[in-house]
Amino acid sequence: MLSNCEGQRVPNVTFRTRQADQWLDVTTDDLFANKTVIVFSLPGAFTPTCSSTHLPGYNELANVFKANGVDDIVCLSVNDAFVMNEWAKEQNG
């Protein structure tokens, strides 16, 4: 079910992320403090709809979002960091 949580504060969480072959802790404050952020999720990388429609839709509208004050767009998925990084490469991300 889709929901709009505009204006709601994101709970304090620390995410273990993989960036440039290093594990880094990133907090919700790092991602969201004093920013306008779009967060969307998808069922899985490399799935047909997510690869052909879901993610590309956000990529196509990224400049429009940024022009309207959005600082970042964050994609969440059930996949691990390694799968998401490979999928990002395939999606020109």
C-alpha atoms as a PDB file:
ATOM      1  CA  MET A   1       0.000   0.000   0.000  1.00  0.00           C
ATOM      2  CA  LEU A   2       1.315   3.417  -0.948  1.00  0.00           C
ATOM      3  CA  SER A   3       1.294   6.146   1.611  1.00  0.00           C
ATOM      4  CA  ASN A   4       2.299   9.764   1.723  1.00  0.00           C
ATOM      5  CA  CYS A   5       4.272  10.596   4.827  1.00  0.00           C
ATOM      6  CA  GLU A   6       5.088  14.147   3.790  1.00  0.00           C
ATOM      7  CA  GLY A   7       6.377  16.210   6.660  1.00  0.00           C
ATOM      8  CA  GLN A   8       6.784  13.290   9.057  1.00  0.00           C
ATOM      9  CA  ARG A   9      10.093  12.843  10.855  1.00  0.00           C
ATOM     10  CA  VAL A  10      12.058   9.716  10.024  1.00  0.00           C
ATOM     11  CA  PRO A  11      13.000   7.699  13.149  1.00  0.00           C
ATOM     12  CA  ASN A  12      16.651   7.711  14.257  1.00  0.00           C
ATOM     13  CA  VAL A  13      18.317   4.730  12.600  1.00  0.00           C
ATOM     14  CA  THR A  14      21.866   3.812  11.587  1.00  0.00           C
ATOM     15  CA  PHE A  15      22.229   2.047   8.238  1.00  0.00           C
ATOM     16  CA  ARG A  16      25.244  -0.098   7.436  1.00  0.00           C
ATOM     17  CA  THR A  17      26.099   0.838   3.848  1.00  0.00           C
ATOM     18  CA  ARG A  18      28.675  -0.191   1.306  1.00  0.00           C
ATOM     19  CA  GLN A  19      30.353   2.684  -0.521  1.00  0.00           C
ATOM     20  CA  ALA A  20      33.522   2.510  -2.626  1.00  0.00           C
ATOM     21  CA  ASP A  21      34.458  -0.930  -1.249  1.00  0.00           C
ATOM     22  CA  GLN A  22      34.132   0.238   2.368  1.00  0.00           C
ATOM     23  CA  TRP A  23      31.490  -0.367   5.006  1.00  0.00           C
ATOM     24  CA  LEU A  24      30.170   2.931   6.386  1.00  0.00           C
ATOM     25  CA  ASP A  25      27.547   3.746   8.970  1.00  0.00           C
ATOM     26  CA  VAL A  26      25.066   6.329   7.717  1.00  0.00           C
ATOM     27  CA  THR A  27      22.487   7.769  10.073  1.00  0.00           C
ATOM     28  CA  THR A  28      19.047   9.112   9.304  1.00  0.00           C
ATOM     29  CA  ASP A  29      20.383  12.544  10.257  1.00  0.00           C
ATOM     30  CA  ASP A  30      23.104  12.161   7.599  1.00  0.00           C
ATOM     31  CA  LEU A  31      20.433  11.402   5.019  1.00  0.00           C
ATOM     32  CA  PHE A  32      17.507  13.573   6.080  1.00  0.00           C
ATOM     33  CA  ALA A  33      18.459  16.389   8.492  1.00  0.00           C
ATOM     34  CA  ASN A  34      17.501  19.789   7.066  1.00  0.00           C
ATOM     35  CA  LYS A  35      16.725  18.258   3.677  1.00  0.00           C
ATOM     36  CA  THR A  36      13.711  17.492   1.555  1.00  0.00           C
ATOM     37  CA  VAL A  37      14.047  13.861   0.520  1.00  0.00           C
ATOM     38  CA  ILE A  38      11.940  11.518  -1.584  1.00  0.00           C
ATOM     39  CA  VAL A  39      12.120   7.939  -0.307  1.00  0.00           C
ATOM     40  CA  PHE A  40      10.672   5.160  -2.418  1.00  0.00           C
ATOM     41  CA  SER A  41      10.928   1.422  -2.195  1.00  0.00           C
ATOM     42  CA  LEU A  42      10.673  -1.419  -4.637  1.00  0.00           C
ATOM     43  CA  PRO A  43      10.312  -5.192  -4.405  1.00  0.00           C
ATOM     44  CA  GLY A  44      13.673  -6.037  -5.872  1.00  0.00           C
ATOM     45  CA  ALA A  45      16.500  -5.091  -8.182  1.00  0.00           C
ATOM     46  CA  PHE A  46      16.518  -6.690 -11.622  1.00  0.00           C
ATOM     47  CA  THR A  47      12.757  -7.348 -11.520  1.00  0.00           C
ATOM     48  CA  PRO A  48      11.048  -6.454 -14.815  1.00  0.00           C
ATOM     49  CA  THR A  49       8.741  -3.664 -13.628  1.00  0.00           C
ATOM     50  CA  CYS A  50      11.286  -2.112 -11.269  1.00  0.00           C
ATOM     51  CA  SER A  51      13.956  -2.086 -13.981  1.00  0.00           C
ATOM     52  CA  SER A  52      11.769  -0.901 -16.856  1.00  0.00           C
ATOM     53  CA  THR A  53       9.322   1.475 -15.163  1.00  0.00           C
ATOM     54  CA  HIS A  54       9.662   2.083 -11.436  1.00  0.00           C
ATOM     55  CA  LEU A  55      13.261   3.314 -11.111  1.00  0.00           C
ATOM     56  CA  PRO A  56      13.422   4.914 -14.573  1.00  0.00           C
ATOM     57  CA  GLY A  57      10.396   7.033 -13.654  1.00  0.00           C
ATOM     58  CA  TYR A  58      12.276   8.550 -10.727  1.00  0.00           C
ATOM     59  CA  ASN A  59      15.385   9.018 -12.868  1.00  0.00           C
ATOM     60  CA  GLU A  60      13.362  10.823 -15.538  1.00  0.00           C
ATOM     61  CA  LEU A  61      11.773  13.156 -12.981  1.00  0.00           C
ATOM     62  CA  ALA A  62      14.915  13.760 -10.893  1.00  0.00           C
ATOM     63  CA  ASN A  63      15.587  17.194 -12.405  1.00  0.00           C
ATOM     64  CA  VAL A  64      11.956  18.231 -11.892  1.00  0.00           C
ATOM     65  CA  PHE A  65      12.082  17.107  -8.264  1.00  0.00           C
ATOM     66  CA  LYS A  66      15.353  18.987  -7.708  1.00  0.00           C
ATOM     67  CA  ALA A  67      13.947  22.111  -9.354  1.00  0.00           C
ATOM     68  CA  ASN A  68      11.094  21.927  -6.842  1.00  0.00           C
ATOM     69  CA  GLY A  69      13.328  21.768  -3.781  1.00  0.00           C
ATOM     70  CA  VAL A  70      14.054  18.051  -3.378  1.00  0.00           C
ATOM     71  CA  ASP A  71      17.633  17.556  -2.182  1.00  0.00           C
ATOM     72  CA  ASP A  72      17.927  13.777  -2.557  1.00  0.00           C
ATOM     73  CA  ILE A  73      16.059  10.734  -3.855  1.00  0.00           C
ATOM     74  CA  VAL A  74      16.588   7.525  -1.877  1.00  0.00           C
ATOM     75  CA  CYS A  75      15.671   4.038  -3.099  1.00  0.00           C
ATOM     76  CA  LEU A  76      15.120   1.207  -0.617  1.00  0.00           C
ATOM     77  CA  SER A  77      14.933  -2.462  -1.511  1.00  0.00           C
ATOM     78  CA  VAL A  78      15.154  -5.897   0.068  1.00  0.00           C
ATOM     79  CA  ASN A  79      18.376  -6.569  -1.816  1.00  0.00           C
ATOM     80  CA  ASP A  80      21.829  -6.348  -0.279  1.00  0.00           C
ATOM     81  CA  ALA A  81      24.279  -3.565  -1.104  1.00  0.00           C
ATOM     82  CA  PHE A  82      26.176  -5.699  -3.616  1.00  0.00           C
ATOM     83  CA  VAL A  83      23.087  -6.442  -5.714  1.00  0.00           C
ATOM     84  CA  MET A  84      21.908  -2.827  -5.511  1.00  0.00           C
ATOM     85  CA  ASN A  85      25.317  -1.532  -6.653  1.00  0.00           C
ATOM     86  CA  GLU A  86      25.317  -3.847  -9.679  1.00  0.00           C
ATOM     87  CA  TRP A  87      21.742  -2.885 -10.508  1.00  0.00           C
ATOM     88  CA  ALA A  88      22.636   0.817 -10.221  1.00  0.00           C
ATOM     89  CA  LYS A  89      25.423   0.302 -12.769  1.00  0.00           C
ATOM     90  CA  GLU A  90      22.974  -1.378 -15.145  1.00  0.00           C
ATOM     91  CA  GLN A  91      20.444   1.412 -14.623  1.00  0.00           C
ATOM     92  CA  ASN A  92      23.073   4.094 -15.293  1.00  0.00           C
ATOM     93  CA  GLY A  93      22.813   5.194 -11.652  1.00  0.00           C
END
